[in-house]
Amino acid sequence: IGGISVLLTGNLFQLPSVQGDLIFYSPVWINFFPLFLTTAHCQQEDQPFYQMLEEIRMGNVTENTIAKIQQKVQEYNFTDNVLNTTHIVGYRNKASTINDIIGSYLPSVDEHTEPYELVAIDYMNNIQISPADADKLFCHYTNFPTKATEVIGTARISLAIEDTKGYLSVFSFHQARISNGSDQKREEVDKKDIAQTYPFYLRH
């Protein structure tokens, strides 16, 4: 349309779409002239690891590769560098569990101080709706999270914020925003003497 050439690139060996069919089944696919790159150039400096990735990419995983992966899983220690490690898991509920564990590491006034869980609340026709229903309504209009864990520490308020996709970040309060339904922001609190904290992220 309009004589404009369109160049699309992508890794078609990625996992199937969460929703919808693969691009091969799209009606517009027949309009494209595909060119397939057959040689991967990432991780070439580490040939054993490169070979493992190639096996997984092609779906022909050898027993040796499976054994190496299982050994890595068994040797992995979750408590090592937990605050600055990106964890990739298969399910949102597992990501939420890890998020909660890491949130418990936030500095607080004392070890007996429990974190506060902040959940966005919204109403429709003067009736309170659940966070799950609110997520469905507002997820297309904002990427603000709907839940946060707040820990009151010495001269700081730290927020562990988890979005609807399981990503977790820690911010000082003045950086943070939480989707409160149609308001799309957290209500104001006293920001005096709030110190900046480090960010970290989780994804699945």
N, C-alpha and C. Protein backbone atom coordinates (compact mmCIF):
# COMPACT_ATOMS: atom_id res chain seq x y z
N ILE A 1 0.85 -1.18 0.00
CA ILE A 1 0.00 0.00 0.00
C ILE A 1 0.89 1.24 0.00
N GLY A 2 0.71 2.11 -1.00
CA GLY A 2 1.49 3.32 -1.05
C GLY A 2 2.91 3.12 -1.53
N GLY A 3 3.25 1.93 -2.01
CA GLY A 3 4.59 1.66 -2.52
C GLY A 3 5.68 1.65 -1.47
N ILE A 4 5.32 1.41 -0.22
CA ILE A 4 6.30 1.40 0.87
C ILE A 4 6.72 -0.04 1.14
N SER A 5 8.02 -0.28 1.10
CA SER A 5 8.54 -1.61 1.43
C SER A 5 8.65 -1.76 2.94
N VAL A 6 8.27 -2.91 3.44
CA VAL A 6 8.31 -3.17 4.88
C VAL A 6 9.25 -4.34 5.14
N LEU A 7 10.21 -4.13 6.03
CA LEU A 7 11.15 -5.18 6.42
C LEU A 7 10.86 -5.58 7.86
N LEU A 8 10.52 -6.84 8.06
CA LEU A 8 10.24 -7.36 9.39
C LEU A 8 11.31 -8.37 9.76
N THR A 9 11.79 -8.30 10.99
CA THR A 9 12.77 -9.27 11.48
C THR A 9 12.25 -9.90 12.76
N GLY A 10 12.65 -11.11 13.00
CA GLY A 10 12.20 -11.78 14.22
C GLY A 10 12.80 -13.17 14.32
N ASN A 11 12.76 -13.72 15.52
CA ASN A 11 13.25 -15.07 15.76
C ASN A 11 12.06 -16.01 15.78
N LEU A 12 11.88 -16.74 14.69
CA LEU A 12 10.72 -17.62 14.58
C LEU A 12 10.90 -18.93 15.34
N PHE A 13 12.04 -19.09 16.00
CA PHE A 13 12.25 -20.25 16.86
C PHE A 13 11.83 -19.96 18.30
N GLN A 14 11.30 -18.77 18.53
CA GLN A 14 10.82 -18.44 19.86
C GLN A 14 9.61 -19.30 20.20
N LEU A 15 9.20 -19.26 21.47
CA LEU A 15 8.03 -20.01 21.90
C LEU A 15 6.78 -19.51 21.19
N PRO A 16 5.76 -20.36 21.06
CA PRO A 16 4.52 -19.94 20.39
C PRO A 16 3.90 -18.74 21.07
N SER A 17 3.08 -18.04 20.33
CA SER A 17 2.39 -16.87 20.87
C SER A 17 1.51 -17.26 22.04
N VAL A 18 1.42 -16.34 23.02
CA VAL A 18 0.52 -16.58 24.15
C VAL A 18 -0.92 -16.58 23.66
N GLN A 19 -1.23 -15.67 22.78
CA GLN A 19 -2.56 -15.60 22.18
C GLN A 19 -2.41 -15.54 20.67
N GLY A 20 -3.33 -16.18 19.98
CA GLY A 20 -3.31 -16.14 18.52
C GLY A 20 -2.41 -17.21 17.93
N ASP A 21 -2.45 -17.33 16.61
CA ASP A 21 -1.68 -18.34 15.91
C ASP A 21 -0.28 -17.82 15.57
N LEU A 22 0.58 -18.75 15.19
CA LEU A 22 1.90 -18.37 14.70
C LEU A 22 1.76 -17.55 13.43
N ILE A 23 2.79 -16.76 13.14
CA ILE A 23 2.72 -15.85 12.00
C ILE A 23 2.55 -16.59 10.68
N PHE A 24 2.98 -17.86 10.63
CA PHE A 24 2.85 -18.63 9.40
C PHE A 24 1.40 -18.79 8.98
N TYR A 25 0.50 -18.76 9.96
CA TYR A 25 -0.92 -18.97 9.67
C TYR A 25 -1.67 -17.66 9.44
N SER A 26 -0.96 -16.55 9.48
CA SER A 26 -1.61 -15.26 9.24
C SER A 26 -1.89 -15.08 7.75
N PRO A 27 -3.03 -14.50 7.39
CA PRO A 27 -3.34 -14.27 5.97
C PRO A 27 -2.31 -13.40 5.26
N VAL A 28 -1.62 -12.52 6.00
CA VAL A 28 -0.66 -11.62 5.36
C VAL A 28 0.68 -12.30 5.09
N TRP A 29 0.89 -13.50 5.64
CA TRP A 29 2.17 -14.18 5.48
C TRP A 29 2.51 -14.43 4.01
N ILE A 30 1.49 -14.70 3.19
CA ILE A 30 1.73 -15.01 1.77
C ILE A 30 2.23 -13.78 1.02
N ASN A 31 2.08 -12.60 1.59
CA ASN A 31 2.54 -11.38 0.93
C ASN A 31 4.03 -11.11 1.16
N PHE A 32 4.65 -11.90 2.03
CA PHE A 32 6.05 -11.67 2.36
C PHE A 32 6.96 -12.64 1.62
N PHE A 33 8.18 -12.19 1.38
CA PHE A 33 9.22 -13.03 0.79
C PHE A 33 10.21 -13.34 1.90
N PRO A 34 10.11 -14.53 2.51
CA PRO A 34 10.94 -14.81 3.70
C PRO A 34 12.38 -15.15 3.33
N LEU A 35 13.29 -14.64 4.14
CA LEU A 35 14.71 -15.00 4.07
C LEU A 35 15.10 -15.54 5.44
N PHE A 36 15.62 -16.74 5.48
CA PHE A 36 15.94 -17.39 6.75
C PHE A 36 17.45 -17.41 6.97
N LEU A 37 17.88 -16.89 8.10
CA LEU A 37 19.29 -16.95 8.50
C LEU A 37 19.50 -18.27 9.23
N THR A 38 20.48 -19.03 8.83
CA THR A 38 20.64 -20.39 9.34
C THR A 38 21.78 -20.55 10.34
N THR A 39 22.61 -19.54 10.50
CA THR A 39 23.75 -19.65 11.40
C THR A 39 23.64 -18.63 12.52
N ALA A 40 23.65 -19.12 13.76
CA ALA A 40 23.62 -18.22 14.92
C ALA A 40 25.03 -17.76 15.24
N HIS A 41 25.18 -16.49 15.58
CA HIS A 41 26.51 -15.93 15.85
C HIS A 41 26.68 -15.52 17.32
N CYS A 42 25.66 -15.71 18.12
CA CYS A 42 25.77 -15.40 19.54
C CYS A 42 26.48 -16.55 20.27
N GLN A 43 27.22 -16.22 21.31
CA GLN A 43 27.89 -17.19 22.17
C GLN A 43 28.92 -18.04 21.43
N GLN A 44 29.43 -17.55 20.30
CA GLN A 44 30.40 -18.33 19.53
C GLN A 44 31.70 -18.54 20.31
N GLU A 45 32.00 -17.64 21.24
CA GLU A 45 33.25 -17.77 21.99
C GLU A 45 33.20 -18.90 23.00
N ASP A 46 32.00 -19.40 23.30
CA ASP A 46 31.83 -20.52 24.23
C ASP A 46 31.15 -21.65 23.46
N GLN A 47 31.93 -22.46 22.79
CA GLN A 47 31.39 -23.46 21.89
C GLN A 47 30.49 -24.50 22.57
N PRO A 48 30.86 -25.03 23.75
CA PRO A 48 29.94 -25.99 24.40
C PRO A 48 28.57 -25.37 24.69
N PHE A 49 28.57 -24.13 25.20
CA PHE A 49 27.29 -23.47 25.48
C PHE A 49 26.55 -23.16 24.19
N TYR A 50 27.28 -22.75 23.17
CA TYR A 50 26.68 -22.47 21.86
C TYR A 50 26.01 -23.72 21.31
N GLN A 51 26.67 -24.87 21.44
CA GLN A 51 26.11 -26.12 20.93
C GLN A 51 24.83 -26.49 21.69
N MET A 52 24.83 -26.25 22.99
CA MET A 52 23.62 -26.51 23.78
C MET A 52 22.46 -25.65 23.29
N LEU A 53 22.74 -24.36 23.05
CA LEU A 53 21.69 -23.46 22.57
C LEU A 53 21.17 -23.90 21.20
N GLU A 54 22.06 -24.36 20.34
CA GLU A 54 21.65 -24.83 19.02
C GLU A 54 20.75 -26.05 19.12
N GLU A 55 21.10 -26.96 20.02
CA GLU A 55 20.27 -28.16 20.21
C GLU A 55 18.87 -27.77 20.69
N ILE A 56 18.82 -26.86 21.64
CA ILE A 56 17.52 -26.44 22.17
C ILE A 56 16.74 -25.69 21.11
N ARG A 57 17.43 -24.85 20.34
CA ARG A 57 16.77 -24.07 19.29
C ARG A 57 16.14 -24.97 18.24
N MET A 58 16.82 -26.05 17.89
CA MET A 58 16.32 -26.95 16.86
C MET A 58 15.41 -28.04 17.41
N GLY A 59 15.33 -28.13 18.74
CA GLY A 59 14.48 -29.15 19.35
C GLY A 59 15.09 -30.54 19.34
N ASN A 60 16.41 -30.63 19.18
CA ASN A 60 17.12 -31.92 19.18
C ASN A 60 18.11 -31.94 20.34
N VAL A 61 17.59 -32.04 21.55
CA VAL A 61 18.43 -31.96 22.74
C VAL A 61 19.00 -33.33 23.07
N THR A 62 20.32 -33.41 23.20
CA THR A 62 20.98 -34.67 23.50
C THR A 62 20.93 -34.97 24.99
N GLU A 63 21.21 -36.23 25.33
CA GLU A 63 21.23 -36.64 26.73
C GLU A 63 22.32 -35.88 27.50
N ASN A 64 23.43 -35.59 26.84
CA ASN A 64 24.52 -34.86 27.48
C ASN A 64 24.08 -33.45 27.89
N THR A 65 23.36 -32.78 27.00
CA THR A 65 22.87 -31.44 27.30
C THR A 65 21.85 -31.47 28.42
N ILE A 66 20.95 -32.45 28.39
CA ILE A 66 19.96 -32.59 29.46
C ILE A 66 20.65 -32.79 30.80
N ALA A 67 21.69 -33.62 30.82
CA ALA A 67 22.42 -33.88 32.06
C ALA A 67 23.09 -32.61 32.58
N LYS A 68 23.66 -31.80 31.68
CA LYS A 68 24.30 -30.55 32.10
C LYS A 68 23.29 -29.57 32.67
N ILE A 69 22.12 -29.49 32.05
CA ILE A 69 21.08 -28.59 32.55
C ILE A 69 20.60 -29.03 33.93
N GLN A 70 20.38 -30.34 34.09
CA GLN A 70 19.93 -30.86 35.38
C GLN A 70 20.98 -30.63 36.46
N GLN A 71 22.26 -30.79 36.10
CA GLN A 71 23.33 -30.53 37.06
C GLN A 71 23.34 -29.07 37.49
N LYS A 72 23.13 -28.17 36.53
CA LYS A 72 23.10 -26.74 36.84
C LYS A 72 21.95 -26.41 37.78
N VAL A 73 20.80 -27.02 37.54
CA VAL A 73 19.64 -26.79 38.40
C VAL A 73 19.91 -27.27 39.82
N GLN A 74 20.53 -28.43 39.95
CA GLN A 74 20.81 -28.99 41.27
C GLN A 74 21.84 -28.17 42.03
N GLU A 75 22.79 -27.58 41.31
CA GLU A 75 23.85 -26.81 41.97
C GLU A 75 23.43 -25.38 42.27
N TYR A 76 22.32 -24.93 41.68
CA TYR A 76 21.92 -23.53 41.83
C TYR A 76 21.50 -23.24 43.26
N ASN A 77 22.00 -22.14 43.79
CA ASN A 77 21.65 -21.70 45.14
C ASN A 77 20.86 -20.41 45.04
N PHE A 78 19.58 -20.48 45.40
CA PHE A 78 18.69 -19.33 45.24
C PHE A 78 19.14 -18.13 46.06
N THR A 79 19.82 -18.38 47.17
CA THR A 79 20.18 -17.27 48.07
C THR A 79 21.41 -16.51 47.61
N ASP A 80 22.12 -17.00 46.61
CA ASP A 80 23.31 -16.30 46.11
C ASP A 80 22.89 -15.13 45.23
N ASN A 81 23.29 -13.93 45.62
CA ASN A 81 23.02 -12.73 44.82
C ASN A 81 21.53 -12.60 44.47
N VAL A 82 20.68 -12.91 45.40
CA VAL A 82 19.25 -12.96 45.09
C VAL A 82 18.69 -11.60 44.72
N LEU A 83 19.26 -10.53 45.25
CA LEU A 83 18.68 -9.21 45.04
C LEU A 83 19.02 -8.60 43.69
N ASN A 84 20.05 -9.08 43.04
CA ASN A 84 20.41 -8.50 41.74
C ASN A 84 20.48 -9.55 40.64
N THR A 85 19.72 -10.63 40.81
CA THR A 85 19.68 -11.70 39.81
C THR A 85 18.31 -11.71 39.14
N THR A 86 18.31 -11.83 37.82
CA THR A 86 17.06 -11.96 37.08
C THR A 86 16.66 -13.42 37.04
N HIS A 87 15.47 -13.72 37.53
CA HIS A 87 14.97 -15.09 37.57
C HIS A 87 13.89 -15.25 36.50
N ILE A 88 14.04 -16.25 35.65
CA ILE A 88 13.05 -16.53 34.62
C ILE A 88 12.34 -17.82 35.00
N VAL A 89 11.05 -17.74 35.23
CA VAL A 89 10.26 -18.90 35.63
C VAL A 89 9.08 -19.07 34.68
N GLY A 90 8.44 -20.23 34.77
CA GLY A 90 7.40 -20.55 33.80
C GLY A 90 6.02 -20.04 34.14
N TYR A 91 5.76 -19.73 35.40
CA TYR A 91 4.41 -19.37 35.80
C TYR A 91 4.41 -18.11 36.65
N ARG A 92 3.32 -17.34 36.53
CA ARG A 92 3.22 -16.08 37.26
C ARG A 92 3.17 -16.29 38.76
N ASN A 93 2.51 -17.38 39.19
CA ASN A 93 2.41 -17.59 40.64
C ASN A 93 3.78 -17.88 41.25
N LYS A 94 4.66 -18.54 40.49
CA LYS A 94 6.01 -18.77 40.99
C LYS A 94 6.79 -17.47 41.03
N ALA A 95 6.61 -16.63 40.00
CA ALA A 95 7.25 -15.31 40.00
C ALA A 95 6.78 -14.49 41.20
N SER A 96 5.48 -14.57 41.51
CA SER A 96 4.94 -13.83 42.65
C SER A 96 5.55 -14.32 43.96
N THR A 97 5.74 -15.65 44.07
CA THR A 97 6.34 -16.20 45.27
C THR A 97 7.77 -15.69 45.46
N ILE A 98 8.54 -15.70 44.38
CA ILE A 98 9.91 -15.19 44.45
C ILE A 98 9.90 -13.69 44.77
N ASN A 99 8.97 -12.97 44.17
CA ASN A 99 8.85 -11.54 44.46
C ASN A 99 8.60 -11.29 45.94
N ASP A 100 7.71 -12.10 46.53
CA ASP A 100 7.40 -11.94 47.95
C ASP A 100 8.62 -12.23 48.82
N ILE A 101 9.39 -13.26 48.44
CA ILE A 101 10.60 -13.59 49.20
C ILE A 101 11.60 -12.45 49.15
N ILE A 102 11.82 -11.91 47.95
CA ILE A 102 12.78 -10.82 47.81
C ILE A 102 12.27 -9.56 48.50
N GLY A 103 10.95 -9.33 48.43
CA GLY A 103 10.38 -8.18 49.12
C GLY A 103 10.62 -8.22 50.61
N SER A 104 10.71 -9.44 51.17
CA SER A 104 10.94 -9.57 52.61
C SER A 104 12.36 -9.16 52.99
N TYR A 105 13.26 -9.03 52.01
CA TYR A 105 14.63 -8.60 52.28
C TYR A 105 14.76 -7.09 52.38
N LEU A 106 13.71 -6.36 52.08
CA LEU A 106 13.80 -4.90 52.13
C LEU A 106 14.13 -4.43 53.55
N PRO A 107 14.96 -3.41 53.68
CA PRO A 107 15.33 -2.93 55.02
C PRO A 107 14.13 -2.35 55.74
N SER A 108 14.01 -2.64 57.03
CA SER A 108 12.90 -2.13 57.82
C SER A 108 13.42 -1.59 59.15
N VAL A 109 12.51 -1.02 59.93
CA VAL A 109 12.89 -0.43 61.21
C VAL A 109 13.51 -1.48 62.12
N ASP A 110 12.89 -2.64 62.19
CA ASP A 110 13.43 -3.76 62.94
C ASP A 110 12.90 -5.04 62.33
N GLU A 111 13.46 -6.15 62.75
CA GLU A 111 13.12 -7.44 62.15
C GLU A 111 11.68 -7.87 62.43
N HIS A 112 11.03 -7.23 63.39
CA HIS A 112 9.65 -7.59 63.72
C HIS A 112 8.63 -6.76 62.95
N THR A 113 9.12 -5.81 62.16
CA THR A 113 8.22 -4.96 61.39
C THR A 113 7.79 -5.68 60.12
N GLU A 114 6.53 -5.95 60.00
CA GLU A 114 6.02 -6.64 58.82
C GLU A 114 5.82 -5.64 57.68
N PRO A 115 6.08 -6.05 56.43
CA PRO A 115 5.81 -5.16 55.29
C PRO A 115 4.32 -4.98 55.08
N TYR A 116 3.95 -3.86 54.49
CA TYR A 116 2.57 -3.58 54.16
C TYR A 116 2.34 -3.92 52.69
N GLU A 117 1.29 -4.64 52.43
CA GLU A 117 0.94 -4.92 51.04
C GLU A 117 -0.11 -3.92 50.58
N LEU A 118 0.21 -3.15 49.55
CA LEU A 118 -0.69 -2.14 49.02
C LEU A 118 -1.32 -2.67 47.74
N VAL A 119 -2.63 -2.71 47.72
CA VAL A 119 -3.35 -3.21 46.55
C VAL A 119 -4.28 -2.12 46.05
N ALA A 120 -4.24 -1.87 44.75
CA ALA A 120 -5.12 -0.85 44.17
C ALA A 120 -6.58 -1.28 44.31
N ILE A 121 -7.43 -0.33 44.67
CA ILE A 121 -8.87 -0.57 44.83
C ILE A 121 -9.62 0.38 43.92
N ASP A 122 -10.58 -0.14 43.19
CA ASP A 122 -11.37 0.70 42.31
C ASP A 122 -12.82 0.27 42.37
N TYR A 123 -13.69 1.15 41.90
CA TYR A 123 -15.13 0.92 41.95
C TYR A 123 -15.73 1.10 40.56
N MET A 124 -16.77 0.35 40.30
CA MET A 124 -17.53 0.51 39.08
C MET A 124 -19.01 0.57 39.46
N ASN A 125 -19.65 1.66 39.07
CA ASN A 125 -21.05 1.88 39.46
C ASN A 125 -21.22 1.79 40.97
N ASN A 126 -20.26 2.40 41.70
CA ASN A 126 -20.28 2.44 43.17
C ASN A 126 -20.14 1.06 43.81
N ILE A 127 -19.68 0.08 43.06
CA ILE A 127 -19.46 -1.26 43.59
C ILE A 127 -17.97 -1.59 43.46
N GLN A 128 -17.36 -2.01 44.58
CA GLN A 128 -15.94 -2.33 44.54
C GLN A 128 -15.70 -3.56 43.67
N ILE A 129 -14.71 -3.47 42.79
CA ILE A 129 -14.37 -4.60 41.94
C ILE A 129 -13.03 -5.18 42.38
N SER A 130 -12.82 -6.44 42.08
CA SER A 130 -11.61 -7.12 42.52
C SER A 130 -10.40 -6.63 41.72
N PRO A 131 -9.19 -6.76 42.29
CA PRO A 131 -7.99 -6.37 41.54
C PRO A 131 -7.87 -7.12 40.21
N ALA A 132 -8.29 -8.38 40.19
CA ALA A 132 -8.21 -9.15 38.94
C ALA A 132 -9.09 -8.55 37.87
N ASP A 133 -10.31 -8.15 38.26
CA ASP A 133 -11.21 -7.52 37.29
C ASP A 133 -10.68 -6.15 36.86
N ALA A 134 -10.08 -5.42 37.80
CA ALA A 134 -9.52 -4.12 37.47
C ALA A 134 -8.36 -4.26 36.49
N ASP A 135 -7.55 -5.32 36.69
CA ASP A 135 -6.44 -5.56 35.77
C ASP A 135 -6.93 -5.72 34.35
N LYS A 136 -8.01 -6.48 34.19
CA LYS A 136 -8.55 -6.72 32.84
C LYS A 136 -9.03 -5.42 32.21
N LEU A 137 -9.57 -4.53 33.03
CA LEU A 137 -10.12 -3.28 32.50
C LEU A 137 -9.03 -2.28 32.12
N PHE A 138 -7.97 -2.22 32.94
CA PHE A 138 -7.01 -1.13 32.78
C PHE A 138 -5.68 -1.56 32.18
N CYS A 139 -5.45 -2.88 32.00
CA CYS A 139 -4.14 -3.32 31.52
C CYS A 139 -3.84 -2.82 30.11
N HIS A 140 -4.87 -2.49 29.35
CA HIS A 140 -4.65 -2.00 27.99
C HIS A 140 -4.33 -0.51 27.95
N TYR A 141 -4.51 0.18 29.07
CA TYR A 141 -4.35 1.63 29.09
C TYR A 141 -3.18 2.10 29.94
N THR A 142 -2.62 1.23 30.77
CA THR A 142 -1.51 1.62 31.63
C THR A 142 -0.65 0.42 31.94
N ASN A 143 0.64 0.65 32.14
CA ASN A 143 1.52 -0.42 32.59
C ASN A 143 1.89 -0.25 34.06
N PHE A 144 1.14 0.60 34.76
CA PHE A 144 1.38 0.76 36.18
C PHE A 144 1.01 -0.53 36.91
N PRO A 145 1.74 -0.89 37.97
CA PRO A 145 1.41 -2.09 38.72
C PRO A 145 0.16 -1.89 39.57
N THR A 146 -0.41 -3.01 40.01
CA THR A 146 -1.61 -2.95 40.83
C THR A 146 -1.36 -3.43 42.25
N LYS A 147 -0.12 -3.84 42.55
CA LYS A 147 0.20 -4.29 43.90
C LYS A 147 1.59 -3.82 44.27
N ALA A 148 1.77 -3.43 45.52
CA ALA A 148 3.10 -3.03 45.99
C ALA A 148 3.26 -3.49 47.42
N THR A 149 4.50 -3.82 47.80
CA THR A 149 4.83 -4.14 49.17
C THR A 149 5.66 -3.00 49.73
N GLU A 150 5.22 -2.42 50.84
CA GLU A 150 5.86 -1.24 51.40
C GLU A 150 6.48 -1.59 52.74
N VAL A 151 7.75 -1.21 52.91
CA VAL A 151 8.45 -1.41 54.17
C VAL A 151 8.92 -0.06 54.68
N ILE A 152 8.56 0.28 55.90
CA ILE A 152 8.97 1.53 56.51
C ILE A 152 10.31 1.31 57.20
N GLY A 153 11.36 1.93 56.67
CA GLY A 153 12.68 1.78 57.24
C GLY A 153 13.15 3.08 57.88
N THR A 154 14.41 3.12 58.21
CA THR A 154 14.99 4.32 58.81
C THR A 154 15.12 5.40 57.75
N ALA A 155 14.31 6.43 57.86
CA ALA A 155 14.32 7.57 56.94
C ALA A 155 14.09 7.17 55.50
N ARG A 156 13.36 6.10 55.28
CA ARG A 156 13.07 5.73 53.90
C ARG A 156 11.79 4.89 53.83
N ILE A 157 11.15 4.98 52.70
CA ILE A 157 10.04 4.09 52.40
C ILE A 157 10.41 3.35 51.12
N SER A 158 10.51 2.05 51.19
CA SER A 158 10.86 1.25 50.03
C SER A 158 9.62 0.56 49.50
N LEU A 159 9.49 0.54 48.20
CA LEU A 159 8.35 -0.13 47.58
C LEU A 159 8.84 -1.25 46.69
N ALA A 160 8.36 -2.45 46.95
CA ALA A 160 8.60 -3.57 46.04
C ALA A 160 7.35 -3.69 45.18
N ILE A 161 7.48 -3.34 43.91
CA ILE A 161 6.31 -3.23 43.05
C ILE A 161 6.33 -4.34 42.01
N GLU A 162 5.25 -5.10 41.96
CA GLU A 162 5.13 -6.20 41.01
C GLU A 162 4.03 -5.87 40.02
N ASP A 163 4.34 -5.93 38.73
CA ASP A 163 3.31 -5.63 37.75
C ASP A 163 2.55 -6.89 37.36
N THR A 164 1.60 -6.76 36.44
CA THR A 164 0.72 -7.87 36.09
C THR A 164 1.44 -8.99 35.38
N LYS A 165 2.67 -8.75 34.89
CA LYS A 165 3.42 -9.79 34.21
C LYS A 165 4.47 -10.43 35.11
N GLY A 166 4.49 -10.04 36.38
CA GLY A 166 5.40 -10.66 37.32
C GLY A 166 6.72 -9.95 37.50
N TYR A 167 6.92 -8.81 36.84
CA TYR A 167 8.16 -8.06 37.01
C TYR A 167 8.14 -7.37 38.37
N LEU A 168 9.26 -7.41 39.06
CA LEU A 168 9.36 -6.80 40.38
C LEU A 168 10.46 -5.74 40.36
N SER A 169 10.15 -4.57 40.90
CA SER A 169 11.14 -3.50 41.00
C SER A 169 11.06 -2.90 42.39
N VAL A 170 12.18 -2.37 42.87
CA VAL A 170 12.21 -1.67 44.15
C VAL A 170 12.60 -0.22 43.89
N PHE A 171 11.79 0.70 44.38
CA PHE A 171 12.02 2.12 44.15
C PHE A 171 11.94 2.86 45.47
N SER A 172 12.54 4.05 45.50
CA SER A 172 12.16 4.99 46.54
C SER A 172 10.76 5.47 46.21
N PHE A 173 10.03 5.96 47.19
CA PHE A 173 8.61 6.23 46.94
C PHE A 173 8.39 7.28 45.87
N HIS A 174 9.25 8.32 45.84
CA HIS A 174 8.98 9.40 44.90
C HIS A 174 9.13 8.94 43.45
N GLN A 175 9.77 7.76 43.21
CA GLN A 175 9.87 7.22 41.86
C GLN A 175 8.67 6.33 41.53
N ALA A 176 7.95 5.90 42.52
CA ALA A 176 6.98 4.82 42.32
C ALA A 176 5.60 5.34 41.95
N ARG A 177 4.92 4.56 41.15
CA ARG A 177 3.52 4.80 40.83
C ARG A 177 2.80 3.46 40.84
N ILE A 178 1.64 3.43 41.43
CA ILE A 178 0.85 2.22 41.42
C ILE A 178 -0.51 2.55 40.83
N SER A 179 -0.97 1.71 39.92
CA SER A 179 -2.24 1.95 39.26
C SER A 179 -3.37 1.75 40.24
N ASN A 180 -4.11 2.79 40.51
CA ASN A 180 -5.28 2.69 41.38
C ASN A 180 -6.51 2.79 40.50
N GLY A 181 -6.65 1.79 39.64
CA GLY A 181 -7.80 1.77 38.75
C GLY A 181 -7.84 2.99 37.87
N SER A 182 -8.97 3.68 37.84
CA SER A 182 -9.14 4.82 36.96
C SER A 182 -8.28 6.01 37.37
N ASP A 183 -7.84 6.07 38.65
CA ASP A 183 -6.96 7.15 39.09
C ASP A 183 -5.55 6.99 38.52
N GLN A 184 -5.12 5.75 38.32
CA GLN A 184 -3.83 5.40 37.73
C GLN A 184 -2.65 5.96 38.50
N LYS A 185 -2.79 6.16 39.80
CA LYS A 185 -1.63 6.52 40.60
C LYS A 185 -1.92 6.26 42.07
N ARG A 186 -0.87 6.08 42.83
CA ARG A 186 -0.97 5.84 44.26
C ARG A 186 -1.27 7.16 44.95
N GLU A 187 -2.06 7.12 46.03
CA GLU A 187 -2.36 8.33 46.77
C GLU A 187 -1.08 8.89 47.40
N GLU A 188 -1.06 10.20 47.63
CA GLU A 188 0.13 10.86 48.15
C GLU A 188 0.40 10.47 49.61
N VAL A 189 1.68 10.38 49.97
CA VAL A 189 2.08 10.22 51.37
C VAL A 189 3.21 11.21 51.63
N ASP A 190 3.61 11.32 52.87
CA ASP A 190 4.69 12.22 53.24
C ASP A 190 6.01 11.72 52.65
N LYS A 191 6.63 12.51 51.79
CA LYS A 191 7.86 12.10 51.11
C LYS A 191 9.11 12.61 51.83
N LYS A 192 8.98 13.17 53.01
CA LYS A 192 10.12 13.75 53.70
C LYS A 192 11.17 12.69 54.05
N ASP A 193 12.42 13.00 53.75
CA ASP A 193 13.56 12.14 54.11
C ASP A 193 13.46 10.74 53.51
N ILE A 194 12.87 10.63 52.35
CA ILE A 194 12.81 9.33 51.69
C ILE A 194 14.08 9.14 50.88
N ALA A 195 14.82 8.09 51.16
CA ALA A 195 16.08 7.85 50.47
C ALA A 195 15.86 6.90 49.29
N GLN A 196 16.68 7.06 48.29
CA GLN A 196 16.56 6.20 47.11
C GLN A 196 17.10 4.81 47.42
N THR A 197 16.42 3.80 46.93
CA THR A 197 16.87 2.43 47.09
C THR A 197 17.28 1.88 45.74
N TYR A 198 17.87 0.71 45.75
CA TYR A 198 18.33 0.10 44.51
C TYR A 198 17.16 -0.55 43.78
N PRO A 199 17.20 -0.63 42.44
CA PRO A 199 16.17 -1.36 41.71
C PRO A 199 16.62 -2.78 41.40
N PHE A 200 15.69 -3.73 41.35
CA PHE A 200 15.97 -5.04 40.79
C PHE A 200 14.70 -5.53 40.13
N TYR A 201 14.83 -6.55 39.30
CA TYR A 201 13.72 -6.94 38.45
C TYR A 201 13.58 -8.46 38.43
N LEU A 202 12.35 -8.91 38.30
CA LEU A 202 12.05 -10.33 38.10
C LEU A 202 11.21 -10.46 36.87
N ARG A 203 11.40 -11.50 36.12
CA ARG A 203 10.50 -11.76 35.02
C ARG A 203 10.32 -13.26 34.86
N HIS A 204 9.32 -13.64 34.14
CA HIS A 204 9.05 -15.05 33.92
C HIS A 204 8.76 -15.29 32.47
